[in-house]
Amino acid sequence: MVEQENPQCRFCMGLLIGGVLGALAGIFFAPKSGKELRSDIKEKGNEFLKDTKEIYADVGTKAKDIIEEVKHQAKELKKEAEGTGEKIAGEVQEKIGQVQKVFGK
């Protein structure tokens, strides 16, 4: 199966990474004391971790939905294939009967 990335997902990921990098650049270039800087880094790190967990949960939910849809479609295809197989088997039996009539068996 070919994986296709959602453009919205890629945009959100880029936005998240860009935001984090921008925040870090702002923190490092701001004139602050070491204690304030460490506090800001810790705070931004916690925000990043929270955002990452939310994205992970969202991706997990979407993956479960996709898996369920694939299972449903596989069941439907299996039913369709079984029905087609039975139809073909019936037609073959009919043709065999016609051939037997022609050859008198």
N, C-alpha and C. Protein backbone atom coordinates (compact mmCIF):
# COMPACT_ATOMS: atom_id res chain seq x y z
N MET A 1 0.84 -1.16 0.00
CA MET A 1 0.00 0.00 0.00
C MET A 1 0.89 1.23 0.00
N VAL A 2 0.57 2.20 -0.81
CA VAL A 2 1.36 3.41 -0.93
C VAL A 2 0.92 4.40 0.13
N GLU A 3 1.89 4.91 0.86
CA GLU A 3 1.57 5.87 1.90
C GLU A 3 1.42 7.25 1.27
N GLN A 4 0.36 7.95 1.64
CA GLN A 4 0.14 9.29 1.16
C GLN A 4 0.04 10.20 2.37
N GLU A 5 0.87 11.23 2.41
CA GLU A 5 0.84 12.15 3.52
C GLU A 5 -0.20 13.21 3.27
N ASN A 6 -0.91 13.56 4.31
CA ASN A 6 -1.92 14.60 4.25
C ASN A 6 -1.21 15.95 4.23
N PRO A 7 -1.48 16.82 3.24
CA PRO A 7 -0.81 18.12 3.18
C PRO A 7 -1.07 18.96 4.43
N GLN A 8 -2.25 18.84 5.02
CA GLN A 8 -2.56 19.59 6.24
C GLN A 8 -1.69 19.12 7.38
N CYS A 9 -1.44 17.83 7.46
CA CYS A 9 -0.60 17.27 8.51
C CYS A 9 0.82 17.79 8.37
N ARG A 10 1.31 17.82 7.14
CA ARG A 10 2.67 18.32 6.89
C ARG A 10 2.76 19.80 7.25
N PHE A 11 1.73 20.57 6.92
CA PHE A 11 1.72 21.99 7.25
C PHE A 11 1.74 22.18 8.76
N CYS A 12 0.89 21.43 9.48
CA CYS A 12 0.84 21.56 10.94
C CYS A 12 2.18 21.17 11.57
N MET A 13 2.80 20.13 11.06
CA MET A 13 4.09 19.71 11.59
C MET A 13 5.13 20.79 11.34
N GLY A 14 5.14 21.38 10.16
CA GLY A 14 6.07 22.46 9.86
C GLY A 14 5.82 23.68 10.72
N LEU A 15 4.54 23.98 10.94
CA LEU A 15 4.16 25.10 11.80
C LEU A 15 4.65 24.86 13.23
N LEU A 16 4.47 23.66 13.72
CA LEU A 16 4.90 23.32 15.08
C LEU A 16 6.42 23.43 15.21
N ILE A 17 7.14 22.85 14.28
CA ILE A 17 8.61 22.89 14.33
C ILE A 17 9.11 24.33 14.19
N GLY A 18 8.52 25.08 13.27
CA GLY A 18 8.91 26.48 13.08
C GLY A 18 8.64 27.31 14.33
N GLY A 19 7.50 27.05 14.96
CA GLY A 19 7.17 27.77 16.19
C GLY A 19 8.16 27.49 17.30
N VAL A 20 8.51 26.24 17.44
CA VAL A 20 9.48 25.85 18.48
C VAL A 20 10.84 26.49 18.20
N LEU A 21 11.29 26.40 16.96
CA LEU A 21 12.59 26.99 16.61
C LEU A 21 12.58 28.50 16.80
N GLY A 22 11.48 29.15 16.44
CA GLY A 22 11.37 30.59 16.63
C GLY A 22 11.38 30.97 18.11
N ALA A 23 10.67 30.19 18.90
CA ALA A 23 10.65 30.44 20.34
C ALA A 23 12.04 30.27 20.94
N LEU A 24 12.73 29.22 20.55
CA LEU A 24 14.08 28.99 21.05
C LEU A 24 15.03 30.11 20.63
N ALA A 25 14.91 30.57 19.39
CA ALA A 25 15.76 31.67 18.93
C ALA A 25 15.49 32.92 19.74
N GLY A 26 14.22 33.19 20.01
CA GLY A 26 13.85 34.35 20.83
C GLY A 26 14.40 34.25 22.24
N ILE A 27 14.34 33.06 22.79
CA ILE A 27 14.84 32.86 24.16
C ILE A 27 16.35 33.07 24.21
N PHE A 28 17.06 32.51 23.26
CA PHE A 28 18.52 32.58 23.29
C PHE A 28 19.06 33.98 23.00
N PHE A 29 18.34 34.76 22.21
CA PHE A 29 18.82 36.09 21.87
C PHE A 29 18.26 37.18 22.77
N ALA A 30 17.38 36.83 23.68
CA ALA A 30 16.82 37.81 24.62
C ALA A 30 17.83 38.07 25.74
N PRO A 31 17.93 39.31 26.18
CA PRO A 31 18.87 39.61 27.27
C PRO A 31 18.28 39.21 28.62
N LYS A 32 18.56 38.00 29.06
CA LYS A 32 18.03 37.49 30.32
C LYS A 32 19.17 36.86 31.11
N SER A 33 18.90 36.70 32.39
CA SER A 33 19.88 36.01 33.23
C SER A 33 19.81 34.52 32.97
N GLY A 34 20.81 33.79 33.42
CA GLY A 34 20.85 32.35 33.22
C GLY A 34 19.66 31.65 33.86
N LYS A 35 19.27 32.11 35.05
CA LYS A 35 18.15 31.49 35.75
C LYS A 35 16.85 31.70 34.97
N GLU A 36 16.63 32.91 34.49
CA GLU A 36 15.42 33.20 33.70
C GLU A 36 15.43 32.40 32.40
N LEU A 37 16.60 32.32 31.78
CA LEU A 37 16.74 31.59 30.52
C LEU A 37 16.42 30.11 30.71
N ARG A 38 16.96 29.52 31.77
CA ARG A 38 16.68 28.10 32.04
C ARG A 38 15.20 27.88 32.32
N SER A 39 14.59 28.82 33.03
CA SER A 39 13.16 28.73 33.33
C SER A 39 12.35 28.79 32.04
N ASP A 40 12.71 29.72 31.16
CA ASP A 40 12.00 29.84 29.88
C ASP A 40 12.17 28.59 29.02
N ILE A 41 13.38 28.06 28.99
CA ILE A 41 13.64 26.84 28.20
C ILE A 41 12.80 25.69 28.74
N LYS A 42 12.75 25.57 30.07
CA LYS A 42 11.95 24.49 30.68
C LYS A 42 10.47 24.66 30.33
N GLU A 43 9.98 25.90 30.39
CA GLU A 43 8.58 26.17 30.08
C GLU A 43 8.26 25.84 28.62
N LYS A 44 9.12 26.29 27.72
CA LYS A 44 8.90 26.02 26.29
C LYS A 44 9.02 24.52 25.99
N GLY A 45 9.93 23.86 26.68
CA GLY A 45 10.06 22.42 26.51
C GLY A 45 8.80 21.69 26.93
N ASN A 46 8.20 22.13 28.05
CA ASN A 46 6.96 21.52 28.52
C ASN A 46 5.81 21.77 27.54
N GLU A 47 5.77 22.99 26.97
CA GLU A 47 4.74 23.29 25.97
C GLU A 47 4.92 22.41 24.73
N PHE A 48 6.16 22.26 24.30
CA PHE A 48 6.45 21.43 23.14
C PHE A 48 6.04 19.98 23.40
N LEU A 49 6.35 19.48 24.59
CA LEU A 49 5.99 18.11 24.94
C LEU A 49 4.47 17.93 24.96
N LYS A 50 3.76 18.92 25.49
CA LYS A 50 2.29 18.85 25.52
C LYS A 50 1.73 18.83 24.09
N ASP A 51 2.25 19.72 23.24
CA ASP A 51 1.79 19.75 21.85
C ASP A 51 2.10 18.43 21.13
N THR A 52 3.26 17.89 21.38
CA THR A 52 3.64 16.62 20.76
C THR A 52 2.71 15.49 21.19
N LYS A 53 2.37 15.46 22.47
CA LYS A 53 1.45 14.43 22.98
C LYS A 53 0.08 14.55 22.33
N GLU A 54 -0.39 15.79 22.14
CA GLU A 54 -1.69 16.00 21.50
C GLU A 54 -1.67 15.52 20.05
N ILE A 55 -0.60 15.83 19.35
CA ILE A 55 -0.48 15.38 17.95
C ILE A 55 -0.42 13.86 17.89
N TYR A 56 0.33 13.25 18.81
CA TYR A 56 0.45 11.79 18.85
C TYR A 56 -0.92 11.15 19.10
N ALA A 57 -1.69 11.72 20.03
CA ALA A 57 -3.02 11.17 20.31
C ALA A 57 -3.93 11.31 19.10
N ASP A 58 -3.85 12.44 18.41
CA ASP A 58 -4.68 12.67 17.22
C ASP A 58 -4.32 11.70 16.11
N VAL A 59 -3.03 11.50 15.90
CA VAL A 59 -2.57 10.56 14.87
C VAL A 59 -3.01 9.14 15.22
N GLY A 60 -2.92 8.78 16.50
CA GLY A 60 -3.36 7.45 16.93
C GLY A 60 -4.83 7.22 16.66
N THR A 61 -5.64 8.22 16.95
CA THR A 61 -7.08 8.11 16.71
C THR A 61 -7.37 7.97 15.22
N LYS A 62 -6.72 8.78 14.41
CA LYS A 62 -6.94 8.70 12.96
C LYS A 62 -6.48 7.34 12.42
N ALA A 63 -5.37 6.84 12.94
CA ALA A 63 -4.87 5.54 12.49
C ALA A 63 -5.87 4.44 12.83
N LYS A 64 -6.44 4.49 14.02
CA LYS A 64 -7.45 3.49 14.40
C LYS A 64 -8.65 3.55 13.47
N ASP A 65 -9.10 4.77 13.15
CA ASP A 65 -10.24 4.92 12.24
C ASP A 65 -9.92 4.33 10.87
N ILE A 66 -8.73 4.59 10.38
CA ILE A 66 -8.33 4.07 9.07
C ILE A 66 -8.27 2.55 9.10
N ILE A 67 -7.73 1.99 10.17
CA ILE A 67 -7.63 0.53 10.29
C ILE A 67 -9.02 -0.10 10.30
N GLU A 68 -9.94 0.50 11.03
CA GLU A 68 -11.31 -0.02 11.07
C GLU A 68 -11.97 0.04 9.70
N GLU A 69 -11.74 1.13 8.97
CA GLU A 69 -12.32 1.26 7.63
C GLU A 69 -11.73 0.21 6.68
N VAL A 70 -10.44 -0.02 6.78
CA VAL A 70 -9.79 -1.03 5.94
C VAL A 70 -10.33 -2.42 6.26
N LYS A 71 -10.52 -2.72 7.54
CA LYS A 71 -11.08 -4.02 7.93
C LYS A 71 -12.48 -4.19 7.35
N HIS A 72 -13.28 -3.13 7.43
CA HIS A 72 -14.65 -3.19 6.91
C HIS A 72 -14.64 -3.43 5.40
N GLN A 73 -13.79 -2.69 4.70
CA GLN A 73 -13.71 -2.86 3.25
C GLN A 73 -13.20 -4.25 2.88
N ALA A 74 -12.27 -4.78 3.67
CA ALA A 74 -11.75 -6.12 3.39
C ALA A 74 -12.86 -7.16 3.55
N LYS A 75 -13.68 -7.01 4.58
CA LYS A 75 -14.80 -7.93 4.78
C LYS A 75 -15.78 -7.86 3.62
N GLU A 76 -16.07 -6.65 3.16
CA GLU A 76 -16.99 -6.48 2.04
C GLU A 76 -16.42 -7.11 0.77
N LEU A 77 -15.14 -6.91 0.52
CA LEU A 77 -14.51 -7.52 -0.65
C LEU A 77 -14.52 -9.04 -0.56
N LYS A 78 -14.31 -9.57 0.64
CA LYS A 78 -14.32 -11.01 0.83
C LYS A 78 -15.72 -11.57 0.51
N LYS A 79 -16.76 -10.89 1.02
CA LYS A 79 -18.13 -11.33 0.73
C LYS A 79 -18.41 -11.29 -0.77
N GLU A 80 -17.96 -10.21 -1.40
CA GLU A 80 -18.18 -10.07 -2.84
C GLU A 80 -17.44 -11.15 -3.62
N ALA A 81 -16.22 -11.45 -3.22
CA ALA A 81 -15.44 -12.48 -3.89
C ALA A 81 -16.07 -13.86 -3.70
N GLU A 82 -16.57 -14.13 -2.50
CA GLU A 82 -17.22 -15.42 -2.26
C GLU A 82 -18.47 -15.54 -3.12
N GLY A 83 -19.25 -14.46 -3.21
CA GLY A 83 -20.46 -14.48 -4.04
C GLY A 83 -20.12 -14.70 -5.50
N THR A 84 -19.09 -14.04 -5.97
CA THR A 84 -18.67 -14.19 -7.36
C THR A 84 -18.17 -15.61 -7.60
N GLY A 85 -17.42 -16.15 -6.65
CA GLY A 85 -16.93 -17.53 -6.78
C GLY A 85 -18.07 -18.52 -6.87
N GLU A 86 -19.08 -18.33 -6.03
CA GLU A 86 -20.24 -19.23 -6.07
C GLU A 86 -20.99 -19.10 -7.40
N LYS A 87 -21.10 -17.88 -7.90
CA LYS A 87 -21.78 -17.65 -9.18
C LYS A 87 -21.02 -18.35 -10.31
N ILE A 88 -19.71 -18.19 -10.31
CA ILE A 88 -18.89 -18.83 -11.34
C ILE A 88 -18.98 -20.35 -11.25
N ALA A 89 -18.95 -20.87 -10.02
CA ALA A 89 -19.06 -22.33 -9.84
C ALA A 89 -20.39 -22.83 -10.38
N GLY A 90 -21.46 -22.09 -10.15
CA GLY A 90 -22.77 -22.46 -10.68
C GLY A 90 -22.79 -22.46 -12.19
N GLU A 91 -22.18 -21.45 -12.79
CA GLU A 91 -22.13 -21.37 -14.25
C GLU A 91 -21.30 -22.50 -14.84
N VAL A 92 -20.20 -22.85 -14.16
CA VAL A 92 -19.37 -23.97 -14.62
C VAL A 92 -20.17 -25.26 -14.57
N GLN A 93 -20.89 -25.48 -13.48
CA GLN A 93 -21.71 -26.70 -13.36
C GLN A 93 -22.76 -26.75 -14.47
N GLU A 94 -23.34 -25.60 -14.78
CA GLU A 94 -24.34 -25.53 -15.84
C GLU A 94 -23.71 -25.90 -17.19
N LYS A 95 -22.53 -25.36 -17.47
CA LYS A 95 -21.85 -25.65 -18.73
C LYS A 95 -21.46 -27.13 -18.81
N ILE A 96 -21.03 -27.69 -17.68
CA ILE A 96 -20.70 -29.11 -17.65
C ILE A 96 -21.93 -29.94 -17.98
N GLY A 97 -23.07 -29.53 -17.42
CA GLY A 97 -24.31 -30.24 -17.72
C GLY A 97 -24.66 -30.16 -19.19
N GLN A 98 -24.46 -29.00 -19.79
CA GLN A 98 -24.75 -28.85 -21.22
C GLN A 98 -23.80 -29.71 -22.07
N VAL A 99 -22.54 -29.74 -21.69
CA VAL A 99 -21.56 -30.55 -22.43
C VAL A 99 -21.93 -32.02 -22.29
N GLN A 100 -22.33 -32.44 -21.12
CA GLN A 100 -22.70 -33.85 -20.92
C GLN A 100 -23.92 -34.21 -21.76
N LYS A 101 -24.87 -33.28 -21.90
CA LYS A 101 -26.04 -33.54 -22.72
C LYS A 101 -25.62 -33.71 -24.19
N VAL A 102 -24.66 -32.86 -24.62
CA VAL A 102 -24.23 -32.93 -26.02
C VAL A 102 -23.55 -34.26 -26.29
N PHE A 103 -22.71 -34.75 -25.38
CA PHE A 103 -21.97 -35.97 -25.59
C PHE A 103 -22.73 -37.20 -25.08
N GLY A 104 -23.90 -36.99 -24.52
CA GLY A 104 -24.74 -38.11 -24.11
C GLY A 104 -24.25 -38.85 -22.89
N LYS A 105 -23.65 -38.24 -21.97
CA LYS A 105 -23.17 -38.92 -20.76
C LYS A 105 -24.10 -38.66 -19.62
